[in-house]
């Protein structure tokens, strides 16, 4: 019973973290699509710490967070070039 209670708490917390990260990732991608370099950089600066935090809380696997950050960074850097 206690385990079920703990799982429910964790599921709610993980869902919140995942949706928050997804929202910020979406903002970065939209800025990249619009070719808004400054907006993309600002959005990336907000998204990266959130992804790191999700990793440290155990919501994302280490490689998943690294992959997400890498892809977003590559997209923003491609705009600069």
PDB file of N, CA and C in Angstrom:
ATOM      1  N   UNK A   1       0.849  -1.202   0.000  1.00  0.00           N
ATOM      2  CA  UNK A   1       0.000   0.000   0.000  1.00  0.00           C
ATOM      3  C   UNK A   1       0.884   1.252   0.000  1.00  0.00           C
ATOM      4  N   UNK A   2       1.923   1.204   0.837  1.00  0.00           N
ATOM      5  CA  UNK A   2       2.823   2.361   0.884  1.00  0.00           C
ATOM      6  C   UNK A   2       3.522   2.546  -0.459  1.00  0.00           C
ATOM      7  N   UNK A   3       3.943   1.444  -1.062  1.00  0.00           N
ATOM      8  CA  UNK A   3       4.622   1.509  -2.348  1.00  0.00           C
ATOM      9  C   UNK A   3       3.699   2.152  -3.395  1.00  0.00           C
ATOM     10  N   UNK A   4       2.420   1.806  -3.370  1.00  0.00           N
ATOM     11  CA  UNK A   4       1.454   2.375  -4.315  1.00  0.00           C
ATOM     12  C   UNK A   4       1.330   3.882  -4.107  1.00  0.00           C
ATOM     13  N   UNK A   5       1.322   4.305  -2.845  1.00  0.00           N
ATOM     14  CA  UNK A   5       1.258   5.746  -2.543  1.00  0.00           C
ATOM     15  C   UNK A   5       2.491   6.464  -3.080  1.00  0.00           C
ATOM     16  N   UNK A   6       3.654   5.864  -2.866  1.00  0.00           N
ATOM     17  CA  UNK A   6       4.901   6.473  -3.337  1.00  0.00           C
ATOM     18  C   UNK A   6       4.913   6.574  -4.858  1.00  0.00           C
ATOM     19  N   UNK A   7       4.475   5.494  -5.520  1.00  0.00           N
ATOM     20  CA  UNK A   7       4.455   5.486  -6.979  1.00  0.00           C
ATOM     21  C   UNK A   7       3.544   6.567  -7.528  1.00  0.00           C
ATOM     22  N   UNK A   8       2.407   6.785  -6.864  1.00  0.00           N
ATOM     23  CA  UNK A   8       1.467   7.813  -7.326  1.00  0.00           C
ATOM     24  C   UNK A   8       2.113   9.197  -7.225  1.00  0.00           C
ATOM     25  N   UNK A   9       2.789   9.457  -6.095  1.00  0.00           N
ATOM     26  CA  UNK A   9       3.469  10.745  -5.910  1.00  0.00           C
ATOM     27  C   UNK A   9       4.534  10.951  -6.983  1.00  0.00           C
ATOM     28  N   UNK A  10       5.323   9.897  -7.214  1.00  0.00           N
ATOM     29  CA  UNK A  10       6.394   9.999  -8.198  1.00  0.00           C
ATOM     30  C   UNK A  10       5.851  10.193  -9.604  1.00  0.00           C
ATOM     31  N   UNK A  11       4.769   9.490  -9.923  1.00  0.00           N
ATOM     32  CA  UNK A  11       4.176   9.594 -11.255  1.00  0.00           C
ATOM     33  C   UNK A  11       3.705  11.021 -11.517  1.00  0.00           C
ATOM     34  N   UNK A  12       3.056  11.614 -10.520  1.00  0.00           N
ATOM     35  CA  UNK A  12       2.569  12.991 -10.661  1.00  0.00           C
ATOM     36  C   UNK A  12       3.742  13.951 -10.822  1.00  0.00           C
ATOM     37  N   UNK A  13       4.787  13.772  -9.999  1.00  0.00           N
ATOM     38  CA  UNK A  13       5.952  14.649 -10.090  1.00  0.00           C
ATOM     39  C   UNK A  13       6.657  14.491 -11.430  1.00  0.00           C
ATOM     40  N   UNK A  14       6.846  13.234 -11.859  1.00  0.00           N
ATOM     41  CA  UNK A  14       7.515  12.985 -13.132  1.00  0.00           C
ATOM     42  C   UNK A  14       6.731  13.567 -14.297  1.00  0.00           C
ATOM     43  N   UNK A  15       5.407  13.435 -14.255  1.00  0.00           N
ATOM     44  CA  UNK A  15       4.569  13.973 -15.332  1.00  0.00           C
ATOM     45  C   UNK A  15       4.730  15.490 -15.402  1.00  0.00           C
ATOM     46  N   UNK A  16       4.764  16.137 -14.249  1.00  0.00           N
ATOM     47  CA  UNK A  16       4.917  17.589 -14.211  1.00  0.00           C
ATOM     48  C   UNK A  16       6.265  18.003 -14.800  1.00  0.00           C
ATOM     49  N   UNK A  17       7.316  17.321 -14.404  1.00  0.00           N
ATOM     50  CA  UNK A  17       8.650  17.647 -14.901  1.00  0.00           C
ATOM     51  C   UNK A  17       8.721  17.427 -16.412  1.00  0.00           C
ATOM     52  N   UNK A  18       8.176  16.303 -16.879  1.00  0.00           N
ATOM     53  CA  UNK A  18       8.227  15.989 -18.312  1.00  0.00           C
ATOM     54  C   UNK A  18       7.477  17.015 -19.147  1.00  0.00           C
ATOM     55  N   UNK A  19       6.288  17.427 -18.683  1.00  0.00           N
ATOM     56  CA  UNK A  19       5.520  18.395 -19.463  1.00  0.00           C
ATOM     57  C   UNK A  19       6.201  19.757 -19.464  1.00  0.00           C
ATOM     58  N   UNK A  20       6.813  20.121 -18.343  1.00  0.00           N
ATOM     59  CA  UNK A  20       7.530  21.400 -18.278  1.00  0.00           C
ATOM     60  C   UNK A  20       8.699  21.395 -19.262  1.00  0.00           C
ATOM     61  N   UNK A  21       9.452  20.310 -19.263  1.00  0.00           N
ATOM     62  CA  UNK A  21      10.581  20.188 -20.187  1.00  0.00           C
ATOM     63  C   UNK A  21      10.079  20.224 -21.626  1.00  0.00           C
ATOM     64  N   UNK A  22       9.015  19.486 -21.903  1.00  0.00           N
ATOM     65  CA  UNK A  22       8.469  19.423 -23.266  1.00  0.00           C
ATOM     66  C   UNK A  22       8.044  20.808 -23.750  1.00  0.00           C
ATOM     67  N   UNK A  23       7.445  21.593 -22.872  1.00  0.00           N
ATOM     68  CA  UNK A  23       7.013  22.946 -23.234  1.00  0.00           C
ATOM     69  C   UNK A  23       8.207  23.808 -23.621  1.00  0.00           C
ATOM     70  N   UNK A  24       9.277  23.740 -22.824  1.00  0.00           N
ATOM     71  CA  UNK A  24      10.446  24.565 -23.108  1.00  0.00           C
ATOM     72  C   UNK A  24      11.186  24.085 -24.356  1.00  0.00           C
ATOM     73  N   UNK A  25      11.210  22.775 -24.570  1.00  0.00           N
ATOM     74  CA  UNK A  25      11.826  22.235 -25.782  1.00  0.00           C
ATOM     75  C   UNK A  25      11.047  22.717 -27.006  1.00  0.00           C
ATOM     76  N   UNK A  26       9.734  22.734 -26.885  1.00  0.00           N
ATOM     77  CA  UNK A  26       8.876  23.186 -27.987  1.00  0.00           C
ATOM     78  C   UNK A  26       9.154  24.661 -28.308  1.00  0.00           C
ATOM     79  N   UNK A  27       9.358  25.475 -27.277  1.00  0.00           N
ATOM     80  CA  UNK A  27       9.661  26.893 -27.496  1.00  0.00           C
ATOM     81  C   UNK A  27      10.967  27.061 -28.279  1.00  0.00           C
ATOM     82  N   UNK A  28      11.957  26.230 -27.954  1.00  0.00           N
ATOM     83  CA  UNK A  28      13.234  26.290 -28.668  1.00  0.00           C
ATOM     84  C   UNK A  28      13.015  25.911 -30.129  1.00  0.00           C
ATOM     85  N   UNK A  29      12.284  24.814 -30.349  1.00  0.00           N
ATOM     86  CA  UNK A  29      12.058  24.341 -31.718  1.00  0.00           C
ATOM     87  C   UNK A  29      11.278  25.355 -32.550  1.00  0.00           C
ATOM     88  N   UNK A  30      10.282  25.994 -31.937  1.00  0.00           N
ATOM     89  CA  UNK A  30       9.507  27.004 -32.657  1.00  0.00           C
ATOM     90  C   UNK A  30      10.395  28.190 -33.041  1.00  0.00           C
ATOM     91  N   UNK A  31      11.271  28.606 -32.120  1.00  0.00           N
ATOM     92  CA  UNK A  31      12.181  29.717 -32.412  1.00  0.00           C
ATOM     93  C   UNK A  31      13.135  29.341 -33.547  1.00  0.00           C
ATOM     94  N   UNK A  32      13.572  28.084 -33.565  1.00  0.00           N
ATOM     95  CA  UNK A  32      14.462  27.622 -34.639  1.00  0.00           C
ATOM     96  C   UNK A  32      13.715  27.657 -35.976  1.00  0.00           C
ATOM     97  N   UNK A  33      12.459  27.199 -35.974  1.00  0.00           N
ATOM     98  CA  UNK A  33      11.659  27.201 -37.205  1.00  0.00           C
ATOM     99  C   UNK A  33      11.467  28.616 -37.743  1.00  0.00           C
ATOM    100  N   UNK A  34      11.266  29.581 -36.826  1.00  0.00           N
ATOM    101  CA  UNK A  34      11.048  30.968 -37.239  1.00  0.00           C
ATOM    102  C   UNK A  34      12.356  31.679 -37.590  1.00  0.00           C
ATOM    103  N   UNK A  35      13.478  30.977 -37.428  1.00  0.00           N
ATOM    104  CA  UNK A  35      14.812  31.539 -37.688  1.00  0.00           C
ATOM    105  C   UNK A  35      15.115  32.716 -36.755  1.00  0.00           C
ATOM    106  N   UNK A  36      14.558  32.638 -35.534  1.00  0.00           N
ATOM    107  CA  UNK A  36      14.757  33.671 -34.523  1.00  0.00           C
ATOM    108  C   UNK A  36      15.958  33.275 -33.657  1.00  0.00           C
ATOM    109  N   UNK A  37      17.131  33.759 -34.026  1.00  0.00           N
ATOM    110  CA  UNK A  37      18.363  33.345 -33.351  1.00  0.00           C
ATOM    111  C   UNK A  37      18.352  33.741 -31.874  1.00  0.00           C
ATOM    112  N   UNK A  38      18.029  34.981 -31.607  1.00  0.00           N
ATOM    113  CA  UNK A  38      18.055  35.478 -30.223  1.00  0.00           C
ATOM    114  C   UNK A  38      17.035  34.751 -29.353  1.00  0.00           C
ATOM    115  N   UNK A  39      15.832  34.583 -29.881  1.00  0.00           N
ATOM    116  CA  UNK A  39      14.785  33.877 -29.139  1.00  0.00           C
ATOM    117  C   UNK A  39      15.149  32.427 -28.882  1.00  0.00           C
ATOM    118  N   UNK A  40      15.782  31.805 -29.872  1.00  0.00           N
ATOM    119  CA  UNK A  40      16.185  30.404 -29.724  1.00  0.00           C
ATOM    120  C   UNK A  40      17.253  30.263 -28.652  1.00  0.00           C
ATOM    121  N   UNK A  41      18.192  31.201 -28.615  1.00  0.00           N
ATOM    122  CA  UNK A  41      19.250  31.139 -27.608  1.00  0.00           C
ATOM    123  C   UNK A  41      18.687  31.325 -26.200  1.00  0.00           C
ATOM    124  N   UNK A  42      17.751  32.253 -26.054  1.00  0.00           N
ATOM    125  CA  UNK A  42      17.138  32.479 -24.742  1.00  0.00           C
ATOM    126  C   UNK A  42      16.331  31.259 -24.301  1.00  0.00           C
ATOM    127  N   UNK A  43      15.574  30.700 -25.233  1.00  0.00           N
ATOM    128  CA  UNK A  43      14.764  29.522 -24.915  1.00  0.00           C
ATOM    129  C   UNK A  43      15.658  28.334 -24.563  1.00  0.00           C
ATOM    130  N   UNK A  44      16.774  28.202 -25.278  1.00  0.00           N
ATOM    131  CA  UNK A  44      17.717  27.114 -25.004  1.00  0.00           C
ATOM    132  C   UNK A  44      18.328  27.284 -23.614  1.00  0.00           C
ATOM    133  N   UNK A  45      18.649  28.526 -23.258  1.00  0.00           N
ATOM    134  CA  UNK A  45      19.243  28.801 -21.944  1.00  0.00           C
ATOM    135  C   UNK A  45      18.283  28.430 -20.811  1.00  0.00           C
ATOM    136  N   UNK A  46      16.979  28.500 -21.073  1.00  0.00           N
ATOM    137  CA  UNK A  46      16.000  28.100 -20.056  1.00  0.00           C
ATOM    138  C   UNK A  46      15.754  26.592 -20.079  1.00  0.00           C
ATOM    139  N   UNK A  47      15.833  25.989 -21.255  1.00  0.00           N
ATOM    140  CA  UNK A  47      15.507  24.567 -21.393  1.00  0.00           C
ATOM    141  C   UNK A  47      16.597  23.661 -20.843  1.00  0.00           C
ATOM    142  N   UNK A  48      17.848  24.019 -21.064  1.00  0.00           N
ATOM    143  CA  UNK A  48      18.960  23.141 -20.673  1.00  0.00           C
ATOM    144  C   UNK A  48      18.980  22.862 -19.160  1.00  0.00           C
ATOM    145  N   UNK A  49      18.877  23.878 -18.296  1.00  0.00           N
ATOM    146  CA  UNK A  49      18.869  23.575 -16.859  1.00  0.00           C
ATOM    147  C   UNK A  49      17.677  22.696 -16.445  1.00  0.00           C
ATOM    148  N   UNK A  50      16.544  22.885 -17.098  1.00  0.00           N
ATOM    149  CA  UNK A  50      15.383  22.053 -16.777  1.00  0.00           C
ATOM    150  C   UNK A  50      15.635  20.599 -17.146  1.00  0.00           C
ATOM    151  N   UNK A  51      16.279  20.383 -18.282  1.00  0.00           N
ATOM    152  CA  UNK A  51      16.593  19.014 -18.706  1.00  0.00           C
ATOM    153  C   UNK A  51      17.603  18.402 -17.739  1.00  0.00           C
ATOM    154  N   UNK A  52      18.605  19.191 -17.324  1.00  0.00           N
ATOM    155  CA  UNK A  52      19.581  18.699 -16.347  1.00  0.00           C
ATOM    156  C   UNK A  52      18.896  18.344 -15.020  1.00  0.00           C
ATOM    157  N   UNK A  53      17.964  19.187 -14.614  1.00  0.00           N
ATOM    158  CA  UNK A  53      17.257  18.949 -13.355  1.00  0.00           C
ATOM    159  C   UNK A  53      16.418  17.680 -13.437  1.00  0.00           C
ATOM    160  N   UNK A  54      15.783  17.468 -14.593  1.00  0.00           N
ATOM    161  CA  UNK A  54      14.992  16.250 -14.787  1.00  0.00           C
ATOM    162  C   UNK A  54      15.905  15.030 -14.707  1.00  0.00           C
ATOM    163  N   UNK A  55      17.108  15.158 -15.227  1.00  0.00           N
ATOM    164  CA  UNK A  55      18.075  14.054 -15.160  1.00  0.00           C
ATOM    165  C   UNK A  55      18.466  13.777 -13.712  1.00  0.00           C
ATOM    166  N   UNK A  56      18.748  14.825 -12.955  1.00  0.00           N
ATOM    167  CA  UNK A  56      19.199  14.632 -11.578  1.00  0.00           C
ATOM    168  C   UNK A  56      18.095  14.062 -10.692  1.00  0.00           C
ATOM    169  N   UNK A  57      16.844  14.332 -11.036  1.00  0.00           N
ATOM    170  CA  UNK A  57      15.715  13.785 -10.269  1.00  0.00           C
ATOM    171  C   UNK A  57      15.395  12.358 -10.676  1.00  0.00           C
ATOM    172  N   UNK A  58      16.023  11.893 -11.775  1.00  0.00           N
ATOM    173  CA  UNK A  58      15.772  10.526 -12.210  1.00  0.00           C
ATOM    174  C   UNK A  58      14.593  10.391 -13.149  1.00  0.00           C
ATOM    175  N   UNK A  59      14.092  11.514 -13.662  1.00  0.00           N
ATOM    176  CA  UNK A  59      12.962  11.470 -14.594  1.00  0.00           C
ATOM    177  C   UNK A  59      13.453  11.005 -15.963  1.00  0.00           C
ATOM    178  N   UNK A  60      14.622  11.513 -16.385  1.00  0.00           N
ATOM    179  CA  UNK A  60      15.215  11.117 -17.660  1.00  0.00           C
ATOM    180  C   UNK A  60      16.468  10.289 -17.407  1.00  0.00           C
ATOM    181  N   UNK A  61      16.752   9.399 -18.319  1.00  0.00           N
ATOM    182  CA  UNK A  61      18.027   8.681 -18.316  1.00  0.00           C
ATOM    183  C   UNK A  61      19.115   9.658 -18.729  1.00  0.00           C
ATOM    184  N   UNK A  62      20.333   9.401 -18.288  1.00  0.00           N
ATOM    185  CA  UNK A  62      21.472  10.268 -18.581  1.00  0.00           C
ATOM    186  C   UNK A  62      21.629  10.514 -20.081  1.00  0.00           C
ATOM    187  N   UNK A  63      21.545   9.460 -20.880  1.00  0.00           N
ATOM    188  CA  UNK A  63      21.738   9.603 -22.322  1.00  0.00           C
ATOM    189  C   UNK A  63      20.582  10.347 -22.982  1.00  0.00           C
ATOM    190  N   UNK A  64      19.386  10.181 -22.445  1.00  0.00           N
ATOM    191  CA  UNK A  64      18.218  10.880 -22.990  1.00  0.00           C
ATOM    192  C   UNK A  64      18.390  12.385 -22.833  1.00  0.00           C
ATOM    193  N   UNK A  65      18.796  12.807 -21.649  1.00  0.00           N
ATOM    194  CA  UNK A  65      18.975  14.237 -21.423  1.00  0.00           C
ATOM    195  C   UNK A  65      20.121  14.778 -22.282  1.00  0.00           C
ATOM    196  N   UNK A  66      21.193  14.012 -22.399  1.00  0.00           N
ATOM    197  CA  UNK A  66      22.326  14.449 -23.228  1.00  0.00           C
ATOM    198  C   UNK A  66      21.896  14.578 -24.683  1.00  0.00           C
ATOM    199  N   UNK A  67      21.094  13.631 -25.162  1.00  0.00           N
ATOM    200  CA  UNK A  67      20.629  13.652 -26.550  1.00  0.00           C
ATOM    201  C   UNK A  67      19.739  14.861 -26.804  1.00  0.00           C
ATOM    202  N   UNK A  68      18.815  15.130 -25.876  1.00  0.00           N
ATOM    203  CA  UNK A  68      17.914  16.268 -26.042  1.00  0.00           C
ATOM    204  C   UNK A  68      18.701  17.579 -26.099  1.00  0.00           C
ATOM    205  N   UNK A  69      19.630  17.754 -25.172  1.00  0.00           N
ATOM    206  CA  UNK A  69      20.428  18.976 -25.125  1.00  0.00           C
ATOM    207  C   UNK A  69      21.267  19.108 -26.394  1.00  0.00           C
ATOM    208  N   UNK A  70      21.857  18.007 -26.809  1.00  0.00           N
ATOM    209  CA  UNK A  70      22.704  18.019 -28.000  1.00  0.00           C
ATOM    210  C   UNK A  70      21.927  18.431 -29.235  1.00  0.00           C
ATOM    211  N   UNK A  71      20.761  17.849 -29.421  1.00  0.00           N
ATOM    212  CA  UNK A  71      19.961  18.157 -30.613  1.00  0.00           C
ATOM    213  C   UNK A  71      19.484  19.597 -30.622  1.00  0.00           C
ATOM    214  N   UNK A  72      19.063  20.092 -29.463  1.00  0.00           N
ATOM    215  CA  UNK A  72      18.617  21.478 -29.391  1.00  0.00           C
ATOM    216  C   UNK A  72      19.768  22.437 -29.665  1.00  0.00           C
ATOM    217  N   UNK A  73      20.919  22.150 -29.080  1.00  0.00           N
ATOM    218  CA  UNK A  73      22.092  23.004 -29.252  1.00  0.00           C
ATOM    219  C   UNK A  73      22.538  23.018 -30.711  1.00  0.00           C
ATOM    220  N   UNK A  74      22.528  21.831 -31.341  1.00  0.00           N
ATOM    221  CA  UNK A  74      22.901  21.758 -32.756  1.00  0.00           C
ATOM    222  C   UNK A  74      21.958  22.604 -33.613  1.00  0.00           C
ATOM    223  N   UNK A  75      20.667  22.553 -33.293  1.00  0.00           N
ATOM    224  CA  UNK A  75      19.691  23.346 -34.039  1.00  0.00           C
ATOM    225  C   UNK A  75      19.928  24.830 -33.918  1.00  0.00           C
ATOM    226  N   UNK A  76      20.221  25.268 -32.683  1.00  0.00           N
ATOM    227  CA  UNK A  76      20.477  26.700 -32.459  1.00  0.00           C
ATOM    228  C   UNK A  76      21.769  27.116 -33.134  1.00  0.00           C
ATOM    229  N   UNK A  77      22.807  26.280 -33.027  1.00  0.00           N
ATOM    230  CA  UNK A  77      24.092  26.612 -33.653  1.00  0.00           C
ATOM    231  C   UNK A  77      23.986  26.642 -35.181  1.00  0.00           C
ATOM    232  N   UNK A  78      23.110  25.827 -35.737  1.00  0.00           N
ATOM    233  CA  UNK A  78      22.916  25.817 -37.193  1.00  0.00           C
ATOM    234  C   UNK A  78      22.324  27.153 -37.659  1.00  0.00           C
ATOM    235  N   UNK A  79      21.525  27.786 -36.796  1.00  0.00           N
ATOM    236  CA  UNK A  79      20.959  29.095 -37.143  1.00  0.00           C
ATOM    237  C   UNK A  79      22.072  30.147 -37.248  1.00  0.00           C
ATOM    238  N   UNK A  80      23.010  30.072 -36.336  1.00  0.00           N
ATOM    239  CA  UNK A  80      24.102  31.055 -36.317  1.00  0.00           C
ATOM    240  C   UNK A  80      24.947  30.943 -37.589  1.00  0.00           C
ATOM    241  N   UNK A  81      25.172  29.725 -38.035  1.00  0.00           N
ATOM    242  CA  UNK A  81      26.057  29.486 -39.189  1.00  0.00           C
ATOM    243  C   UNK A  81      25.450  29.944 -40.506  1.00  0.00           C
TER     244      UNK A  81
END
